[in-house]
Amino acid sequence: MPARARIVLLAVVILAFRQTLADIVITEIHYAPVDAAGAPRNDLELVEVFNDGSEPYDLSGFQFTRGFSFEFSPNTFLGAQSYLVVCRNASAVRTAYGITNVVGNFNEALDNAGETIELSNPQGAMVSSASYNDRGRWPAGAKGTGHSLSIR
């Protein structure tokens, strides 16, 4: 293959790869969950990701690298226009909320005062980032009332 054709092919691959990565976004953060009686339940913390693309996406090796640590297992696929919930305790989240599209577990607690959460690809490049806070313009209902922050 001529050098010019290789360069054009490489540019197309890079642009397609960058567009696909933009399709994986953090859409929900549940950082201060409570049970039905209002007692704190840190085991119900979760972060939701969404594939805004038109094709399934292989998340194998992707990692949350800021806010908490979690690496997606091999063969973790996220369907087009689908959500996946990353949980501090996947079993507890399944039981409490009836959510079946869950993975986990992560050990660190999400910061109840706010922080930045980042998802990175296997090469370490940041793919999606979301910052939250418990004051200012952020809804107060997400802190200790059972509600989550949704980015839609």
C-alpha atoms as a PDB file:
ATOM      1  CA  MET A   1       0.000   0.000   0.000  1.00  0.00           C
ATOM      2  CA  PRO A   2       1.440   3.398  -0.934  1.00  0.00           C
ATOM      3  CA  ALA A   3       2.474   5.722   1.912  1.00  0.00           C
ATOM      4  CA  ARG A   4      -0.248   8.275   1.082  1.00  0.00           C
ATOM      5  CA  ALA A   5      -2.966   5.586   1.238  1.00  0.00           C
ATOM      6  CA  ARG A   6      -1.636   4.368   4.615  1.00  0.00           C
ATOM      7  CA  ILE A   7      -1.755   7.911   6.003  1.00  0.00           C
ATOM      8  CA  VAL A   8      -5.327   8.426   4.799  1.00  0.00           C
ATOM      9  CA  LEU A   9      -6.372   5.053   6.243  1.00  0.00           C
ATOM     10  CA  LEU A  10      -4.716   5.882   9.574  1.00  0.00           C
ATOM     11  CA  ALA A  11      -6.491   9.263   9.702  1.00  0.00           C
ATOM     12  CA  VAL A  12      -9.865   7.594   9.046  1.00  0.00           C
ATOM     13  CA  VAL A  13      -9.230   5.011  11.783  1.00  0.00           C
ATOM     14  CA  ILE A  14      -8.200   7.704  14.292  1.00  0.00           C
ATOM     15  CA  LEU A  15     -11.259   9.859  13.527  1.00  0.00           C
ATOM     16  CA  ALA A  16     -13.590   6.865  13.807  1.00  0.00           C
ATOM     17  CA  PHE A  17     -11.963   5.836  17.111  1.00  0.00           C
ATOM     18  CA  ARG A  18     -12.256   9.367  18.559  1.00  0.00           C
ATOM     19  CA  GLN A  19     -15.925   9.597  17.534  1.00  0.00           C
ATOM     20  CA  THR A  20     -16.716   6.230  19.127  1.00  0.00           C
ATOM     21  CA  LEU A  21     -15.079   7.229  22.406  1.00  0.00           C
ATOM     22  CA  ALA A  22     -17.208  10.363  22.549  1.00  0.00           C
ATOM     23  CA  ASP A  23     -20.253   8.074  22.493  1.00  0.00           C
ATOM     24  CA  ILE A  24     -19.461   6.566  25.938  1.00  0.00           C
ATOM     25  CA  VAL A  25     -20.633   9.019  28.606  1.00  0.00           C
ATOM     26  CA  ILE A  26     -21.231   9.125  32.366  1.00  0.00           C
ATOM     27  CA  THR A  27     -24.940   9.850  32.816  1.00  0.00           C
ATOM     28  CA  GLU A  28     -25.784   9.265  36.479  1.00  0.00           C
ATOM     29  CA  ILE A  29     -24.064   9.426  39.864  1.00  0.00           C
ATOM     30  CA  HIS A  30     -25.636   8.091  43.061  1.00  0.00           C
ATOM     31  CA  TYR A  31     -23.202   9.256  45.742  1.00  0.00           C
ATOM     32  CA  ALA A  32     -25.210   9.394  48.983  1.00  0.00           C
ATOM     33  CA  PRO A  33     -27.891   6.684  48.811  1.00  0.00           C
ATOM     34  CA  VAL A  34     -30.186   5.790  51.688  1.00  0.00           C
ATOM     35  CA  ASP A  35     -32.511   2.885  52.442  1.00  0.00           C
ATOM     36  CA  ALA A  36     -36.310   3.143  52.792  1.00  0.00           C
ATOM     37  CA  ALA A  37     -35.934   4.315  56.404  1.00  0.00           C
ATOM     38  CA  GLY A  38     -33.486   7.064  55.400  1.00  0.00           C
ATOM     39  CA  ALA A  39     -30.372   5.364  56.780  1.00  0.00           C
ATOM     40  CA  PRO A  40     -27.158   5.800  54.736  1.00  0.00           C
ATOM     41  CA  ARG A  41     -26.390   2.883  52.397  1.00  0.00           C
ATOM     42  CA  ASN A  42     -22.952   3.443  50.861  1.00  0.00           C
ATOM     43  CA  ASP A  43     -23.136  -0.052  49.343  1.00  0.00           C
ATOM     44  CA  LEU A  44     -25.794   1.338  46.953  1.00  0.00           C
ATOM     45  CA  GLU A  45     -23.458   3.912  45.389  1.00  0.00           C
ATOM     46  CA  LEU A  46     -23.342   3.719  41.610  1.00  0.00           C
ATOM     47  CA  VAL A  47     -22.232   5.421  38.429  1.00  0.00           C
ATOM     48  CA  GLU A  48     -24.097   4.861  35.179  1.00  0.00           C
ATOM     49  CA  VAL A  49     -22.530   4.952  31.719  1.00  0.00           C
ATOM     50  CA  PHE A  50     -24.393   5.246  28.420  1.00  0.00           C
ATOM     51  CA  ASN A  51     -23.453   4.268  24.873  1.00  0.00           C
ATOM     52  CA  ASP A  52     -24.822   7.104  22.756  1.00  0.00           C
ATOM     53  CA  GLY A  53     -23.545   5.430  19.601  1.00  0.00           C
ATOM     54  CA  SER A  54     -25.295   3.289  17.023  1.00  0.00           C
ATOM     55  CA  GLU A  55     -23.119   0.196  17.554  1.00  0.00           C
ATOM     56  CA  PRO A  56     -22.327  -2.006  20.587  1.00  0.00           C
ATOM     57  CA  TYR A  57     -19.101  -1.030  22.326  1.00  0.00           C
ATOM     58  CA  ASP A  58     -16.493  -3.258  23.960  1.00  0.00           C
ATOM     59  CA  LEU A  59     -15.564  -1.737  27.348  1.00  0.00           C
ATOM     60  CA  SER A  60     -12.978  -4.432  28.120  1.00  0.00           C
ATOM     61  CA  GLY A  61     -10.055  -2.818  29.932  1.00  0.00           C
ATOM     62  CA  PHE A  62     -11.729   0.572  30.339  1.00  0.00           C
ATOM     63  CA  GLN A  63     -11.216   1.939  33.847  1.00  0.00           C
ATOM     64  CA  PHE A  64     -12.564   4.545  36.183  1.00  0.00           C
ATOM     65  CA  THR A  65      -9.316   6.326  37.012  1.00  0.00           C
ATOM     66  CA  ARG A  66     -10.539   9.274  39.063  1.00  0.00           C
ATOM     67  CA  GLY A  67     -13.133   9.282  41.846  1.00  0.00           C
ATOM     68  CA  PHE A  68     -12.899   5.528  42.328  1.00  0.00           C
ATOM     69  CA  SER A  69     -11.070   2.576  40.796  1.00  0.00           C
ATOM     70  CA  PHE A  70     -12.815  -0.002  38.666  1.00  0.00           C
ATOM     71  CA  GLU A  71     -11.747  -1.902  35.540  1.00  0.00           C
ATOM     72  CA  PHE A  72     -14.258  -3.475  33.175  1.00  0.00           C
ATOM     73  CA  SER A  73     -13.732  -7.214  32.716  1.00  0.00           C
ATOM     74  CA  PRO A  74     -12.898  -8.768  29.347  1.00  0.00           C
ATOM     75  CA  ASN A  75     -15.918  -9.134  27.042  1.00  0.00           C
ATOM     76  CA  THR A  76     -17.947  -6.381  28.724  1.00  0.00           C
ATOM     77  CA  PHE A  77     -20.104  -5.021  25.911  1.00  0.00           C
ATOM     78  CA  LEU A  78     -22.459  -2.050  26.105  1.00  0.00           C
ATOM     79  CA  GLY A  79     -25.195  -2.125  23.487  1.00  0.00           C
ATOM     80  CA  ALA A  80     -26.013   0.840  21.307  1.00  0.00           C
ATOM     81  CA  GLN A  81     -28.231   3.353  23.119  1.00  0.00           C
ATOM     82  CA  SER A  82     -27.881   1.290  26.308  1.00  0.00           C
ATOM     83  CA  TYR A  83     -26.925   1.909  29.918  1.00  0.00           C
ATOM     84  CA  LEU A  84     -24.628  -0.005  32.264  1.00  0.00           C
ATOM     85  CA  VAL A  85     -24.473   0.618  36.006  1.00  0.00           C
ATOM     86  CA  VAL A  86     -21.129   0.348  37.807  1.00  0.00           C
ATOM     87  CA  CYS A  87     -21.802  -0.369  41.478  1.00  0.00           C
ATOM     88  CA  ARG A  88     -20.005  -0.298  44.760  1.00  0.00           C
ATOM     89  CA  ASN A  89     -21.924  -3.509  45.538  1.00  0.00           C
ATOM     90  CA  ALA A  90     -23.643  -4.982  42.472  1.00  0.00           C
ATOM     91  CA  SER A  91     -25.671  -7.518  44.455  1.00  0.00           C
ATOM     92  CA  ALA A  92     -27.028  -4.853  46.816  1.00  0.00           C
ATOM     93  CA  VAL A  93     -27.986  -2.586  43.892  1.00  0.00           C
ATOM     94  CA  ARG A  94     -29.751  -5.463  42.081  1.00  0.00           C
ATOM     95  CA  THR A  95     -31.733  -6.271  45.221  1.00  0.00           C
ATOM     96  CA  ALA A  96     -32.573  -2.692  46.252  1.00  0.00           C
ATOM     97  CA  TYR A  97     -33.443  -1.254  42.827  1.00  0.00           C
ATOM     98  CA  GLY A  98     -34.204  -4.281  40.641  1.00  0.00           C
ATOM     99  CA  ILE A  99     -31.548  -3.187  38.146  1.00  0.00           C
ATOM    100  CA  THR A 100     -30.093  -6.085  36.154  1.00  0.00           C
ATOM    101  CA  ASN A 101     -27.565  -4.337  33.897  1.00  0.00           C
ATOM    102  CA  VAL A 102     -24.972  -3.929  36.656  1.00  0.00           C
ATOM    103  CA  VAL A 103     -21.261  -4.611  37.111  1.00  0.00           C
ATOM    104  CA  GLY A 104     -19.058  -4.200  40.141  1.00  0.00           C
ATOM    105  CA  ASN A 105     -17.735  -3.996  42.710  1.00  0.00           C
ATOM    106  CA  PHE A 106     -15.653  -0.948  43.540  1.00  0.00           C
ATOM    107  CA  ASN A 107     -14.195  -0.415  47.019  1.00  0.00           C
ATOM    108  CA  GLU A 108     -13.806   3.335  47.416  1.00  0.00           C
ATOM    109  CA  ALA A 109     -16.729   5.461  48.568  1.00  0.00           C
ATOM    110  CA  LEU A 110     -17.861   8.288  46.332  1.00  0.00           C
ATOM    111  CA  ASP A 111     -17.158  11.655  47.957  1.00  0.00           C
ATOM    112  CA  ASN A 112     -20.368  13.063  49.471  1.00  0.00           C
ATOM    113  CA  ALA A 113     -18.985  16.610  49.153  1.00  0.00           C
ATOM    114  CA  GLY A 114     -18.333  16.203  45.427  1.00  0.00           C
ATOM    115  CA  GLU A 115     -15.511  15.207  43.118  1.00  0.00           C
ATOM    116  CA  THR A 116     -14.655  14.483  39.503  1.00  0.00           C
ATOM    117  CA  ILE A 117     -15.177  10.995  38.115  1.00  0.00           C
ATOM    118  CA  GLU A 118     -13.276   9.943  34.998  1.00  0.00           C
ATOM    119  CA  LEU A 119     -13.556   6.955  32.698  1.00  0.00           C
ATOM    120  CA  SER A 120     -10.432   6.105  30.684  1.00  0.00           C
ATOM    121  CA  ASN A 121      -9.777   3.730  27.812  1.00  0.00           C
ATOM    122  CA  PRO A 122      -7.248   0.865  28.100  1.00  0.00           C
ATOM    123  CA  GLN A 123      -4.477   3.192  26.870  1.00  0.00           C
ATOM    124  CA  GLY A 124      -5.207   5.633  29.732  1.00  0.00           C
ATOM    125  CA  ALA A 125      -6.850   8.398  27.698  1.00  0.00           C
ATOM    126  CA  MET A 126      -9.869  10.008  29.386  1.00  0.00           C
ATOM    127  CA  VAL A 127     -13.120   9.131  27.584  1.00  0.00           C
ATOM    128  CA  SER A 128     -15.762  10.691  29.835  1.00  0.00           C
ATOM    129  CA  SER A 129     -15.660  12.934  32.878  1.00  0.00           C
ATOM    130  CA  ALA A 130     -18.315  14.260  35.232  1.00  0.00           C
ATOM    131  CA  SER A 131     -17.910  16.556  38.214  1.00  0.00           C
ATOM    132  CA  TYR A 132     -20.507  16.895  40.951  1.00  0.00           C
ATOM    133  CA  ASN A 133     -20.932  18.860  44.148  1.00  0.00           C
ATOM    134  CA  ASP A 134     -23.259  19.019  47.154  1.00  0.00           C
ATOM    135  CA  ARG A 135     -23.811  22.794  47.096  1.00  0.00           C
ATOM    136  CA  GLY A 136     -24.379  25.741  44.786  1.00  0.00           C
ATOM    137  CA  ARG A 137     -26.350  24.940  41.641  1.00  0.00           C
ATOM    138  CA  TRP A 138     -26.435  21.204  42.330  1.00  0.00           C
ATOM    139  CA  PRO A 139     -29.762  19.763  43.528  1.00  0.00           C
ATOM    140  CA  ALA A 140     -29.768  19.209  47.286  1.00  0.00           C
ATOM    141  CA  GLY A 141     -32.009  16.151  46.875  1.00  0.00           C
ATOM    142  CA  ALA A 142     -29.087  14.007  45.726  1.00  0.00           C
ATOM    143  CA  LYS A 143     -27.412  14.109  49.127  1.00  0.00           C
ATOM    144  CA  GLY A 144     -28.910  11.637  51.559  1.00  0.00           C
ATOM    145  CA  THR A 145     -32.483  11.601  50.289  1.00  0.00           C
ATOM    146  CA  GLY A 146     -32.268   8.608  47.985  1.00  0.00           C
ATOM    147  CA  HIS A 147     -32.071  10.601  44.758  1.00  0.00           C
ATOM    148  CA  SER A 148     -29.225  10.527  42.254  1.00  0.00           C
ATOM    149  CA  LEU A 149     -27.700  13.117  39.929  1.00  0.00           C
ATOM    150  CA  SER A 150     -28.678  12.473  36.323  1.00  0.00           C
ATOM    151  CA  ILE A 151     -26.974  14.018  33.340  1.00  0.00           C
ATOM    152  CA  ARG A 152     -29.353  13.840  30.416  1.00  0.00           C
END
